[in-house]
Amino acid sequence: MNNISSALNAYQQALSRIGNAAQATTITTAENTTPKDTFQTMVKTAVNEAEKITQSAEEASLAGMIGKADIQDVVLAVSNAEVALETVVAVRDTAIKAYKEIMQMTI
């Protein structure tokens, strides 16, 4: 029972850390991109960042399994990886939807 309550506390603390980190993160928008930035470089950068986040989550998970990492750090890293993956999937789905709409246009 103590393990469950400590896990719940760790999860709640990790969620609050995620919320604080999300508020501090700056998202690149169309207003602060330079004309030389292309959609391709933006997507490539986002995918590379998602990959780095996923790798750090895997490392944190492995460290947690062998007892070298705090459970809060593991939960935070896995949650960040999940958000990054959801973002990449959303961008992919939007790009596919746009491609399909373009292909259905009459010329």
PDB file of N, CA and C in Angstrom:
ATOM      1  N   MET A   1       0.832  -1.189   0.000  1.00  0.00           N
ATOM      2  CA  MET A   1       0.000   0.000   0.000  1.00  0.00           C
ATOM      3  C   MET A   1       0.870   1.244   0.000  1.00  0.00           C
ATOM      4  N   ASN A   2       1.975   1.205   0.744  1.00  0.00           N
ATOM      5  CA  ASN A   2       2.876   2.348   0.802  1.00  0.00           C
ATOM      6  C   ASN A   2       3.502   2.615  -0.557  1.00  0.00           C
ATOM      7  N   ASN A   3       3.806   1.547  -1.309  1.00  0.00           N
ATOM      8  CA  ASN A   3       4.384   1.709  -2.640  1.00  0.00           C
ATOM      9  C   ASN A   3       3.418   2.411  -3.584  1.00  0.00           C
ATOM     10  N   ILE A   4       2.147   2.086  -3.471  1.00  0.00           N
ATOM     11  CA  ILE A   4       1.145   2.709  -4.338  1.00  0.00           C
ATOM     12  C   ILE A   4       1.026   4.189  -4.023  1.00  0.00           C
ATOM     13  N   SER A   5       0.958   4.546  -2.769  1.00  0.00           N
ATOM     14  CA  SER A   5       0.830   5.960  -2.427  1.00  0.00           C
ATOM     15  C   SER A   5       2.088   6.735  -2.785  1.00  0.00           C
ATOM     16  N   SER A   6       3.263   6.142  -2.618  1.00  0.00           N
ATOM     17  CA  SER A   6       4.482   6.847  -3.010  1.00  0.00           C
ATOM     18  C   SER A   6       4.563   6.981  -4.526  1.00  0.00           C
ATOM     19  N   ALA A   7       4.088   5.993  -5.261  1.00  0.00           N
ATOM     20  CA  ALA A   7       4.070   6.083  -6.718  1.00  0.00           C
ATOM     21  C   ALA A   7       3.100   7.162  -7.176  1.00  0.00           C
ATOM     22  N   LEU A   8       1.938   7.234  -6.528  1.00  0.00           N
ATOM     23  CA  LEU A   8       0.974   8.280  -6.877  1.00  0.00           C
ATOM     24  C   LEU A   8       1.534   9.673  -6.581  1.00  0.00           C
ATOM     25  N   ASN A   9       2.197   9.819  -5.450  1.00  0.00           N
ATOM     26  CA  ASN A   9       2.816  11.102  -5.118  1.00  0.00           C
ATOM     27  C   ASN A   9       3.891  11.468  -6.134  1.00  0.00           C
ATOM     28  N   ALA A  10       4.680  10.503  -6.526  1.00  0.00           N
ATOM     29  CA  ALA A  10       5.733  10.761  -7.516  1.00  0.00           C
ATOM     30  C   ALA A  10       5.124  11.158  -8.852  1.00  0.00           C
ATOM     31  N   TYR A  11       4.050  10.503  -9.230  1.00  0.00           N
ATOM     32  CA  TYR A  11       3.390  10.826 -10.491  1.00  0.00           C
ATOM     33  C   TYR A  11       2.808  12.236 -10.456  1.00  0.00           C
ATOM     34  N   GLN A  12       2.194  12.616  -9.342  1.00  0.00           N
ATOM     35  CA  GLN A  12       1.634  13.965  -9.220  1.00  0.00           C
ATOM     36  C   GLN A  12       2.726  15.023  -9.259  1.00  0.00           C
ATOM     37  N   GLN A  13       3.846  14.757  -8.620  1.00  0.00           N
ATOM     38  CA  GLN A  13       4.947  15.711  -8.650  1.00  0.00           C
ATOM     39  C   GLN A  13       5.524  15.818 -10.052  1.00  0.00           C
ATOM     40  N   ALA A  14       5.591  14.711 -10.756  1.00  0.00           N
ATOM     41  CA  ALA A  14       6.099  14.732 -12.130  1.00  0.00           C
ATOM     42  C   ALA A  14       5.160  15.516 -13.036  1.00  0.00           C
ATOM     43  N   LEU A  15       3.859  15.343 -12.842  1.00  0.00           N
ATOM     44  CA  LEU A  15       2.898  16.096 -13.639  1.00  0.00           C
ATOM     45  C   LEU A  15       3.022  17.597 -13.386  1.00  0.00           C
ATOM     46  N   SER A  16       3.257  17.975 -12.161  1.00  0.00           N
ATOM     47  CA  SER A  16       3.434  19.406 -11.880  1.00  0.00           C
ATOM     48  C   SER A  16       4.727  19.912 -12.516  1.00  0.00           C
ATOM     49  N   ARG A  17       5.780  19.073 -12.541  1.00  0.00           N
ATOM     50  CA  ARG A  17       7.015  19.467 -13.221  1.00  0.00           C
ATOM     51  C   ARG A  17       6.780  19.634 -14.716  1.00  0.00           C
ATOM     52  N   ILE A  18       5.990  18.742 -15.298  1.00  0.00           N
ATOM     53  CA  ILE A  18       5.685  18.831 -16.726  1.00  0.00           C
ATOM     54  C   ILE A  18       4.937  20.122 -17.013  1.00  0.00           C
ATOM     55  N   GLY A  19       3.981  20.442 -16.164  1.00  0.00           N
ATOM     56  CA  GLY A  19       3.230  21.678 -16.350  1.00  0.00           C
ATOM     57  C   GLY A  19       4.127  22.895 -16.280  1.00  0.00           C
ATOM     58  N   ASN A  20       5.053  22.900 -15.329  1.00  0.00           N
ATOM     59  CA  ASN A  20       5.984  24.021 -15.212  1.00  0.00           C
ATOM     60  C   ASN A  20       6.923  24.087 -16.401  1.00  0.00           C
ATOM     61  N   ALA A  21       7.377  22.937 -16.866  1.00  0.00           N
ATOM     62  CA  ALA A  21       8.287  22.908 -18.014  1.00  0.00           C
ATOM     63  C   ALA A  21       7.566  23.343 -19.281  1.00  0.00           C
ATOM     64  N   ALA A  22       6.302  22.960 -19.413  1.00  0.00           N
ATOM     65  CA  ALA A  22       5.545  23.338 -20.605  1.00  0.00           C
ATOM     66  C   ALA A  22       5.321  24.836 -20.661  1.00  0.00           C
ATOM     67  N   GLN A  23       5.136  25.475 -19.519  1.00  0.00           N
ATOM     68  CA  GLN A  23       4.952  26.917 -19.495  1.00  0.00           C
ATOM     69  C   GLN A  23       6.235  27.641 -19.847  1.00  0.00           C
ATOM     70  N   ALA A  24       7.369  27.057 -19.510  1.00  0.00           N
ATOM     71  CA  ALA A  24       8.649  27.704 -19.760  1.00  0.00           C
ATOM     72  C   ALA A  24       9.157  27.469 -21.177  1.00  0.00           C
ATOM     73  N   THR A  25       8.611  26.482 -21.881  1.00  0.00           N
ATOM     74  CA  THR A  25       9.074  26.147 -23.223  1.00  0.00           C
ATOM     75  C   THR A  25       8.567  27.168 -24.227  1.00  0.00           C
ATOM     76  N   THR A  26       9.463  27.573 -25.107  1.00  0.00           N
ATOM     77  CA  THR A  26       9.091  28.495 -26.173  1.00  0.00           C
ATOM     78  C   THR A  26       8.841  27.703 -27.435  1.00  0.00           C
ATOM     79  N   ILE A  27       7.704  27.941 -28.048  1.00  0.00           N
ATOM     80  CA  ILE A  27       7.352  27.242 -29.273  1.00  0.00           C
ATOM     81  C   ILE A  27       7.633  28.168 -30.446  1.00  0.00           C
ATOM     82  N   THR A  28       8.294  27.639 -31.458  1.00  0.00           N
ATOM     83  CA  THR A  28       8.594  28.422 -32.639  1.00  0.00           C
ATOM     84  C   THR A  28       7.325  28.585 -33.455  1.00  0.00           C
ATOM     85  N   THR A  29       6.995  29.832 -33.764  1.00  0.00           N
ATOM     86  CA  THR A  29       5.814  30.115 -34.565  1.00  0.00           C
ATOM     87  C   THR A  29       6.230  30.764 -35.866  1.00  0.00           C
ATOM     88  N   ALA A  30       5.269  31.012 -36.726  1.00  0.00           N
ATOM     89  CA  ALA A  30       5.559  31.613 -38.017  1.00  0.00           C
ATOM     90  C   ALA A  30       6.121  33.022 -37.859  1.00  0.00           C
ATOM     91  N   GLU A  31       5.769  33.698 -36.787  1.00  0.00           N
ATOM     92  CA  GLU A  31       6.235  35.067 -36.599  1.00  0.00           C
ATOM     93  C   GLU A  31       7.722  35.146 -36.282  1.00  0.00           C
ATOM     94  N   ASN A  32       8.278  34.143 -35.616  1.00  0.00           N
ATOM     95  CA  ASN A  32       9.679  34.240 -35.245  1.00  0.00           C
ATOM     96  C   ASN A  32      10.575  33.281 -36.025  1.00  0.00           C
ATOM     97  N   THR A  33      10.116  32.832 -37.203  1.00  0.00           N
ATOM     98  CA  THR A  33      10.975  32.062 -38.083  1.00  0.00           C
ATOM     99  C   THR A  33      11.498  32.980 -39.175  1.00  0.00           C
ATOM    100  N   THR A  34      12.677  32.704 -39.611  1.00  0.00           N
ATOM    101  CA  THR A  34      13.250  33.512 -40.677  1.00  0.00           C
ATOM    102  C   THR A  34      12.832  32.937 -42.021  1.00  0.00           C
ATOM    103  N   PRO A  35      12.863  33.736 -43.072  1.00  0.00           N
ATOM    104  CA  PRO A  35      12.431  33.230 -44.378  1.00  0.00           C
ATOM    105  C   PRO A  35      13.244  32.039 -44.869  1.00  0.00           C
ATOM    106  N   LYS A  36      14.498  31.905 -44.417  1.00  0.00           N
ATOM    107  CA  LYS A  36      15.307  30.780 -44.874  1.00  0.00           C
ATOM    108  C   LYS A  36      14.887  29.468 -44.223  1.00  0.00           C
ATOM    109  N   ASP A  37      14.100  29.532 -43.136  1.00  0.00           N
ATOM    110  CA  ASP A  37      13.588  28.313 -42.510  1.00  0.00           C
ATOM    111  C   ASP A  37      12.477  27.748 -43.386  1.00  0.00           C
ATOM    112  N   THR A  38      12.599  26.488 -43.696  1.00  0.00           N
ATOM    113  CA  THR A  38      11.583  25.853 -44.523  1.00  0.00           C
ATOM    114  C   THR A  38      10.789  24.871 -43.687  1.00  0.00           C
ATOM    115  N   PHE A  39       9.708  24.429 -44.256  1.00  0.00           N
ATOM    116  CA  PHE A  39       8.883  23.440 -43.572  1.00  0.00           C
ATOM    117  C   PHE A  39       9.674  22.165 -43.340  1.00  0.00           C
ATOM    118  N   GLN A  40      10.496  21.818 -44.310  1.00  0.00           N
ATOM    119  CA  GLN A  40      11.303  20.602 -44.199  1.00  0.00           C
ATOM    120  C   GLN A  40      12.255  20.679 -43.013  1.00  0.00           C
ATOM    121  N   THR A  41      12.946  21.797 -42.839  1.00  0.00           N
ATOM    122  CA  THR A  41      13.875  21.919 -41.716  1.00  0.00           C
ATOM    123  C   THR A  41      13.135  21.956 -40.389  1.00  0.00           C
ATOM    124  N   MET A  42      11.949  22.561 -40.382  1.00  0.00           N
ATOM    125  CA  MET A  42      11.155  22.597 -39.154  1.00  0.00           C
ATOM    126  C   MET A  42      10.747  21.187 -38.737  1.00  0.00           C
ATOM    127  N   VAL A  43      10.281  20.395 -39.701  1.00  0.00           N
ATOM    128  CA  VAL A  43       9.858  19.028 -39.397  1.00  0.00           C
ATOM    129  C   VAL A  43      11.053  18.181 -38.994  1.00  0.00           C
ATOM    130  N   LYS A  44      12.164  18.349 -39.714  1.00  0.00           N
ATOM    131  CA  LYS A  44      13.367  17.578 -39.399  1.00  0.00           C
ATOM    132  C   LYS A  44      13.851  17.889 -37.986  1.00  0.00           C
ATOM    133  N   THR A  45      13.837  19.159 -37.615  1.00  0.00           N
ATOM    134  CA  THR A  45      14.256  19.559 -36.270  1.00  0.00           C
ATOM    135  C   THR A  45      13.318  18.974 -35.216  1.00  0.00           C
ATOM    136  N   ALA A  46      12.014  19.020 -35.477  1.00  0.00           N
ATOM    137  CA  ALA A  46      11.042  18.482 -34.515  1.00  0.00           C
ATOM    138  C   ALA A  46      11.221  16.983 -34.332  1.00  0.00           C
ATOM    139  N   VAL A  47      11.470  16.265 -35.425  1.00  0.00           N
ATOM    140  CA  VAL A  47      11.659  14.816 -35.334  1.00  0.00           C
ATOM    141  C   VAL A  47      12.950  14.498 -34.577  1.00  0.00           C
ATOM    142  N   ASN A  48      14.014  15.253 -34.850  1.00  0.00           N
ATOM    143  CA  ASN A  48      15.277  15.034 -34.139  1.00  0.00           C
ATOM    144  C   ASN A  48      15.123  15.300 -32.644  1.00  0.00           C
ATOM    145  N   GLU A  49      14.399  16.353 -32.286  1.00  0.00           N
ATOM    146  CA  GLU A  49      14.158  16.645 -30.867  1.00  0.00           C
ATOM    147  C   GLU A  49      13.332  15.545 -30.217  1.00  0.00           C
ATOM    148  N   ALA A  50      12.321  15.050 -30.923  1.00  0.00           N
ATOM    149  CA  ALA A  50      11.501  13.958 -30.388  1.00  0.00           C
ATOM    150  C   ALA A  50      12.348  12.709 -30.178  1.00  0.00           C
ATOM    151  N   GLU A  51      13.269  12.468 -31.094  1.00  0.00           N
ATOM    152  CA  GLU A  51      14.153  11.315 -30.956  1.00  0.00           C
ATOM    153  C   GLU A  51      15.064  11.453 -29.740  1.00  0.00           C
ATOM    154  N   LYS A  52      15.606  12.648 -29.519  1.00  0.00           N
ATOM    155  CA  LYS A  52      16.463  12.882 -28.354  1.00  0.00           C
ATOM    156  C   LYS A  52      15.683  12.704 -27.054  1.00  0.00           C
ATOM    157  N   ILE A  53      14.462  13.209 -27.037  1.00  0.00           N
ATOM    158  CA  ILE A  53      13.625  13.092 -25.843  1.00  0.00           C
ATOM    159  C   ILE A  53      13.312  11.625 -25.564  1.00  0.00           C
ATOM    160  N   THR A  54      13.022  10.867 -26.619  1.00  0.00           N
ATOM    161  CA  THR A  54      12.716   9.445 -26.464  1.00  0.00           C
ATOM    162  C   THR A  54      13.936   8.686 -25.949  1.00  0.00           C
ATOM    163  N   GLN A  55      15.114   9.015 -26.462  1.00  0.00           N
ATOM    164  CA  GLN A  55      16.330   8.345 -25.998  1.00  0.00           C
ATOM    165  C   GLN A  55      16.593   8.654 -24.529  1.00  0.00           C
ATOM    166  N   SER A  56      16.365   9.911 -24.122  1.00  0.00           N
ATOM    167  CA  SER A  56      16.584  10.236 -22.713  1.00  0.00           C
ATOM    168  C   SER A  56      15.560   9.527 -21.825  1.00  0.00           C
ATOM    169  N   ALA A  57      14.351   9.333 -22.330  1.00  0.00           N
ATOM    170  CA  ALA A  57      13.340   8.597 -21.567  1.00  0.00           C
ATOM    171  C   ALA A  57      13.743   7.134 -21.409  1.00  0.00           C
ATOM    172  N   GLU A  58      14.296   6.564 -22.470  1.00  0.00           N
ATOM    173  CA  GLU A  58      14.761   5.177 -22.387  1.00  0.00           C
ATOM    174  C   GLU A  58      15.901   5.046 -21.385  1.00  0.00           C
ATOM    175  N   GLU A  59      16.818   6.007 -21.414  1.00  0.00           N
ATOM    176  CA  GLU A  59      17.936   5.979 -20.470  1.00  0.00           C
ATOM    177  C   GLU A  59      17.440   6.115 -19.037  1.00  0.00           C
ATOM    178  N   ALA A  60      16.473   7.014 -18.828  1.00  0.00           N
ATOM    179  CA  ALA A  60      15.920   7.197 -17.488  1.00  0.00           C
ATOM    180  C   ALA A  60      15.198   5.940 -17.024  1.00  0.00           C
ATOM    181  N   SER A  61      14.488   5.289 -17.937  1.00  0.00           N
ATOM    182  CA  SER A  61      13.784   4.051 -17.580  1.00  0.00           C
ATOM    183  C   SER A  61      14.769   2.957 -17.174  1.00  0.00           C
ATOM    184  N   LEU A  62      15.832   2.833 -17.954  1.00  0.00           N
ATOM    185  CA  LEU A  62      16.843   1.829 -17.607  1.00  0.00           C
ATOM    186  C   LEU A  62      17.502   2.153 -16.272  1.00  0.00           C
ATOM    187  N   ALA A  63      17.797   3.432 -16.039  1.00  0.00           N
ATOM    188  CA  ALA A  63      18.393   3.825 -14.767  1.00  0.00           C
ATOM    189  C   ALA A  63      17.423   3.559 -13.613  1.00  0.00           C
ATOM    190  N   GLY A  64      16.135   3.751 -13.867  1.00  0.00           N
ATOM    191  CA  GLY A  64      15.136   3.471 -12.842  1.00  0.00           C
ATOM    192  C   GLY A  64      15.029   1.995 -12.528  1.00  0.00           C
ATOM    193  N   MET A  65      15.183   1.160 -13.552  1.00  0.00           N
ATOM    194  CA  MET A  65      15.101  -0.287 -13.344  1.00  0.00           C
ATOM    195  C   MET A  65      16.240  -0.811 -12.483  1.00  0.00           C
ATOM    196  N   ILE A  66      17.405  -0.209 -12.642  1.00  0.00           N
ATOM    197  CA  ILE A  66      18.540  -0.686 -11.841  1.00  0.00           C
ATOM    198  C   ILE A  66      18.690   0.098 -10.542  1.00  0.00           C
ATOM    199  N   GLY A  67      17.765   1.023 -10.292  1.00  0.00           N
ATOM    200  CA  GLY A  67      17.751   1.739  -9.029  1.00  0.00           C
ATOM    201  C   GLY A  67      18.643   2.963  -8.959  1.00  0.00           C
ATOM    202  N   LYS A  68      19.082   3.463 -10.099  1.00  0.00           N
ATOM    203  CA  LYS A  68      19.967   4.628 -10.095  1.00  0.00           C
ATOM    204  C   LYS A  68      19.242   5.940 -10.375  1.00  0.00           C
ATOM    205  N   ALA A  69      17.936   5.880 -10.626  1.00  0.00           N
ATOM    206  CA  ALA A  69      17.172   7.094 -10.922  1.00  0.00           C
ATOM    207  C   ALA A  69      15.944   7.154 -10.022  1.00  0.00           C
ATOM    208  N   ASP A  70      15.542   8.363  -9.740  1.00  0.00           N
ATOM    209  CA  ASP A  70      14.345   8.599  -8.942  1.00  0.00           C
ATOM    210  C   ASP A  70      13.114   8.321  -9.803  1.00  0.00           C
ATOM    211  N   ILE A  71      12.060   7.784  -9.212  1.00  0.00           N
ATOM    212  CA  ILE A  71      10.842   7.452  -9.950  1.00  0.00           C
ATOM    213  C   ILE A  71      10.225   8.699 -10.571  1.00  0.00           C
ATOM    214  N   GLN A  72      10.363   9.833  -9.923  1.00  0.00           N
ATOM    215  CA  GLN A  72       9.816  11.081 -10.463  1.00  0.00           C
ATOM    216  C   GLN A  72      10.499  11.456 -11.769  1.00  0.00           C
ATOM    217  N   ASP A  73      11.800  11.286 -11.828  1.00  0.00           N
ATOM    218  CA  ASP A  73      12.538  11.595 -13.049  1.00  0.00           C
ATOM    219  C   ASP A  73      12.161  10.652 -14.183  1.00  0.00           C
ATOM    220  N   VAL A  74      11.931   9.400 -13.842  1.00  0.00           N
ATOM    221  CA  VAL A  74      11.540   8.417 -14.850  1.00  0.00           C
ATOM    222  C   VAL A  74      10.165   8.774 -15.406  1.00  0.00           C
ATOM    223  N   VAL A  75       9.222   9.076 -14.530  1.00  0.00           N
ATOM    224  CA  VAL A  75       7.869   9.428 -14.966  1.00  0.00           C
ATOM    225  C   VAL A  75       7.903  10.696 -15.808  1.00  0.00           C
ATOM    226  N   LEU A  76       8.689  11.670 -15.409  1.00  0.00           N
ATOM    227  CA  LEU A  76       8.802  12.920 -16.156  1.00  0.00           C
ATOM    228  C   LEU A  76       9.380  12.671 -17.546  1.00  0.00           C
ATOM    229  N   ALA A  77      10.424  11.890 -17.631  1.00  0.00           N
ATOM    230  CA  ALA A  77      11.053  11.609 -18.923  1.00  0.00           C
ATOM    231  C   ALA A  77      10.106  10.844 -19.845  1.00  0.00           C
ATOM    232  N   VAL A  78       9.399   9.874 -19.308  1.00  0.00           N
ATOM    233  CA  VAL A  78       8.459   9.096 -20.120  1.00  0.00           C
ATOM    234  C   VAL A  78       7.290   9.973 -20.565  1.00  0.00           C
ATOM    235  N   SER A  79       6.813  10.844 -19.705  1.00  0.00           N
ATOM    236  CA  SER A  79       5.723  11.751 -20.078  1.00  0.00           C
ATOM    237  C   SER A  79       6.169  12.713 -21.168  1.00  0.00           C
ATOM    238  N   ASN A  80       7.381  13.231 -21.070  1.00  0.00           N
ATOM    239  CA  ASN A  80       7.905  14.113 -22.112  1.00  0.00           C
ATOM    240  C   ASN A  80       8.025  13.381 -23.439  1.00  0.00           C
ATOM    241  N   ALA A  81       8.460  12.139 -23.401  1.00  0.00           N
ATOM    242  CA  ALA A  81       8.568  11.343 -24.616  1.00  0.00           C
ATOM    243  C   ALA A  81       7.194  11.091 -25.230  1.00  0.00           C
ATOM    244  N   GLU A  82       6.219  10.858 -24.374  1.00  0.00           N
ATOM    245  CA  GLU A  82       4.861  10.623 -24.862  1.00  0.00           C
ATOM    246  C   GLU A  82       4.313  11.867 -25.559  1.00  0.00           C
ATOM    247  N   VAL A  83       4.534  13.029 -24.965  1.00  0.00           N
ATOM    248  CA  VAL A  83       4.079  14.286 -25.567  1.00  0.00           C
ATOM    249  C   VAL A  83       4.788  14.526 -26.893  1.00  0.00           C
ATOM    250  N   ALA A  84       6.078  14.263 -26.945  1.00  0.00           N
ATOM    251  CA  ALA A  84       6.834  14.453 -28.194  1.00  0.00           C
ATOM    252  C   ALA A  84       6.316  13.521 -29.278  1.00  0.00           C
ATOM    253  N   LEU A  85       6.045  12.277 -28.939  1.00  0.00           N
ATOM    254  CA  LEU A  85       5.521  11.324 -29.912  1.00  0.00           C
ATOM    255  C   LEU A  85       4.142  11.745 -30.405  1.00  0.00           C
ATOM    256  N   GLU A  86       3.285  12.192 -29.502  1.00  0.00           N
ATOM    257  CA  GLU A  86       1.951  12.645 -29.898  1.00  0.00           C
ATOM    258  C   GLU A  86       2.044  13.852 -30.835  1.00  0.00           C
ATOM    259  N   THR A  87       3.006  14.729 -30.598  1.00  0.00           N
ATOM    260  CA  THR A  87       3.188  15.891 -31.460  1.00  0.00           C
ATOM    261  C   THR A  87       3.623  15.471 -32.854  1.00  0.00           C
ATOM    262  N   VAL A  88       4.584  14.566 -32.931  1.00  0.00           N
ATOM    263  CA  VAL A  88       5.060  14.085 -34.235  1.00  0.00           C
ATOM    264  C   VAL A  88       3.927  13.389 -34.991  1.00  0.00           C
ATOM    265  N   VAL A  89       3.147  12.598 -34.303  1.00  0.00           N
ATOM    266  CA  VAL A  89       2.030  11.908 -34.953  1.00  0.00           C
ATOM    267  C   VAL A  89       0.985  12.905 -35.440  1.00  0.00           C
ATOM    268  N   ALA A  90       0.709  13.935 -34.663  1.00  0.00           N
ATOM    269  CA  ALA A  90      -0.264  14.950 -35.067  1.00  0.00           C
ATOM    270  C   ALA A  90       0.214  15.705 -36.307  1.00  0.00           C
ATOM    271  N   VAL A  91       1.502  16.040 -36.352  1.00  0.00           N
ATOM    272  CA  VAL A  91       2.046  16.722 -37.528  1.00  0.00           C
ATOM    273  C   VAL A  91       1.973  15.800 -38.747  1.00  0.00           C
ATOM    274  N   ARG A  92       2.318  14.539 -38.556  1.00  0.00           N
ATOM    275  CA  ARG A  92       2.247  13.579 -39.654  1.00  0.00           C
ATOM    276  C   ARG A  92       0.828  13.458 -40.188  1.00  0.00           C
ATOM    277  N   ASP A  93      -0.140  13.330 -39.280  1.00  0.00           N
ATOM    278  CA  ASP A  93      -1.531  13.185 -39.694  1.00  0.00           C
ATOM    279  C   ASP A  93      -2.020  14.420 -40.446  1.00  0.00           C
ATOM    280  N   THR A  94      -1.612  15.597 -39.982  1.00  0.00           N
ATOM    281  CA  THR A  94      -2.012  16.835 -40.645  1.00  0.00           C
ATOM    282  C   THR A  94      -1.387  16.934 -42.029  1.00  0.00           C
ATOM    283  N   ALA A  95      -0.129  16.543 -42.153  1.00  0.00           N
ATOM    284  CA  ALA A  95       0.533  16.581 -43.457  1.00  0.00           C
ATOM    285  C   ALA A  95      -0.128  15.604 -44.431  1.00  0.00           C
ATOM    286  N   ILE A  96      -0.473  14.431 -43.968  1.00  0.00           N
ATOM    287  CA  ILE A  96      -1.142  13.457 -44.831  1.00  0.00           C
ATOM    288  C   ILE A  96      -2.514  13.957 -45.246  1.00  0.00           C
ATOM    289  N   LYS A  97      -3.233  14.560 -44.316  1.00  0.00           N
ATOM    290  CA  LYS A  97      -4.551  15.106 -44.634  1.00  0.00           C
ATOM    291  C   LYS A  97      -4.429  16.211 -45.678  1.00  0.00           C
ATOM    292  N   ALA A  98      -3.448  17.095 -45.526  1.00  0.00           N
ATOM    293  CA  ALA A  98      -3.247  18.167 -46.490  1.00  0.00           C
ATOM    294  C   ALA A  98      -2.878  17.604 -47.861  1.00  0.00           C
ATOM    295  N   TYR A  99      -2.021  16.586 -47.883  1.00  0.00           N
ATOM    296  CA  TYR A  99      -1.636  15.952 -49.147  1.00  0.00           C
ATOM    297  C   TYR A  99      -2.849  15.357 -49.840  1.00  0.00           C
ATOM    298  N   LYS A 100      -3.690  14.670 -49.097  1.00  0.00           N
ATOM    299  CA  LYS A 100      -4.881  14.067 -49.686  1.00  0.00           C
ATOM    300  C   LYS A 100      -5.825  15.128 -50.244  1.00  0.00           C
ATOM    301  N   GLU A 101      -5.974  16.245 -49.531  1.00  0.00           N
ATOM    302  CA  GLU A 101      -6.829  17.324 -50.020  1.00  0.00           C
ATOM    303  C   GLU A 101      -6.278  17.921 -51.302  1.00  0.00           C
ATOM    304  N   ILE A 102      -4.967  18.084 -51.368  1.00  0.00           N
ATOM    305  CA  ILE A 102      -4.342  18.622 -52.582  1.00  0.00           C
ATOM    306  C   ILE A 102      -4.537  17.660 -53.747  1.00  0.00           C
ATOM    307  N   MET A 103      -4.407  16.368 -53.489  1.00  0.00           N
ATOM    308  CA  MET A 103      -4.566  15.387 -54.558  1.00  0.00           C
ATOM    309  C   MET A 103      -6.000  15.316 -55.065  1.00  0.00           C
ATOM    310  N   GLN A 104      -6.974  15.694 -54.253  1.00  0.00           N
ATOM    311  CA  GLN A 104      -8.378  15.648 -54.664  1.00  0.00           C
ATOM    312  C   GLN A 104      -8.823  16.922 -55.380  1.00  0.00           C
ATOM    313  N   MET A 105      -7.972  17.949 -55.394  1.00  0.00           N
ATOM    314  CA  MET A 105      -8.322  19.202 -56.064  1.00  0.00           C
ATOM    315  C   MET A 105      -8.365  18.991 -57.574  1.00  0.00           C
ATOM    316  N   THR A 106      -9.310  19.672 -58.185  1.00  0.00           N
ATOM    317  CA  THR A 106      -9.364  19.617 -59.648  1.00  0.00           C
ATOM    318  C   THR A 106      -8.519  20.750 -60.211  1.00  0.00           C
ATOM    319  N   ILE A 107      -7.887  20.444 -61.324  1.00  0.00           N
ATOM    320  CA  ILE A 107      -6.992  21.443 -61.930  1.00  0.00           C
ATOM    321  C   ILE A 107      -7.655  22.056 -63.129  1.00  0.00           C
TER     322      ILE A 107
END
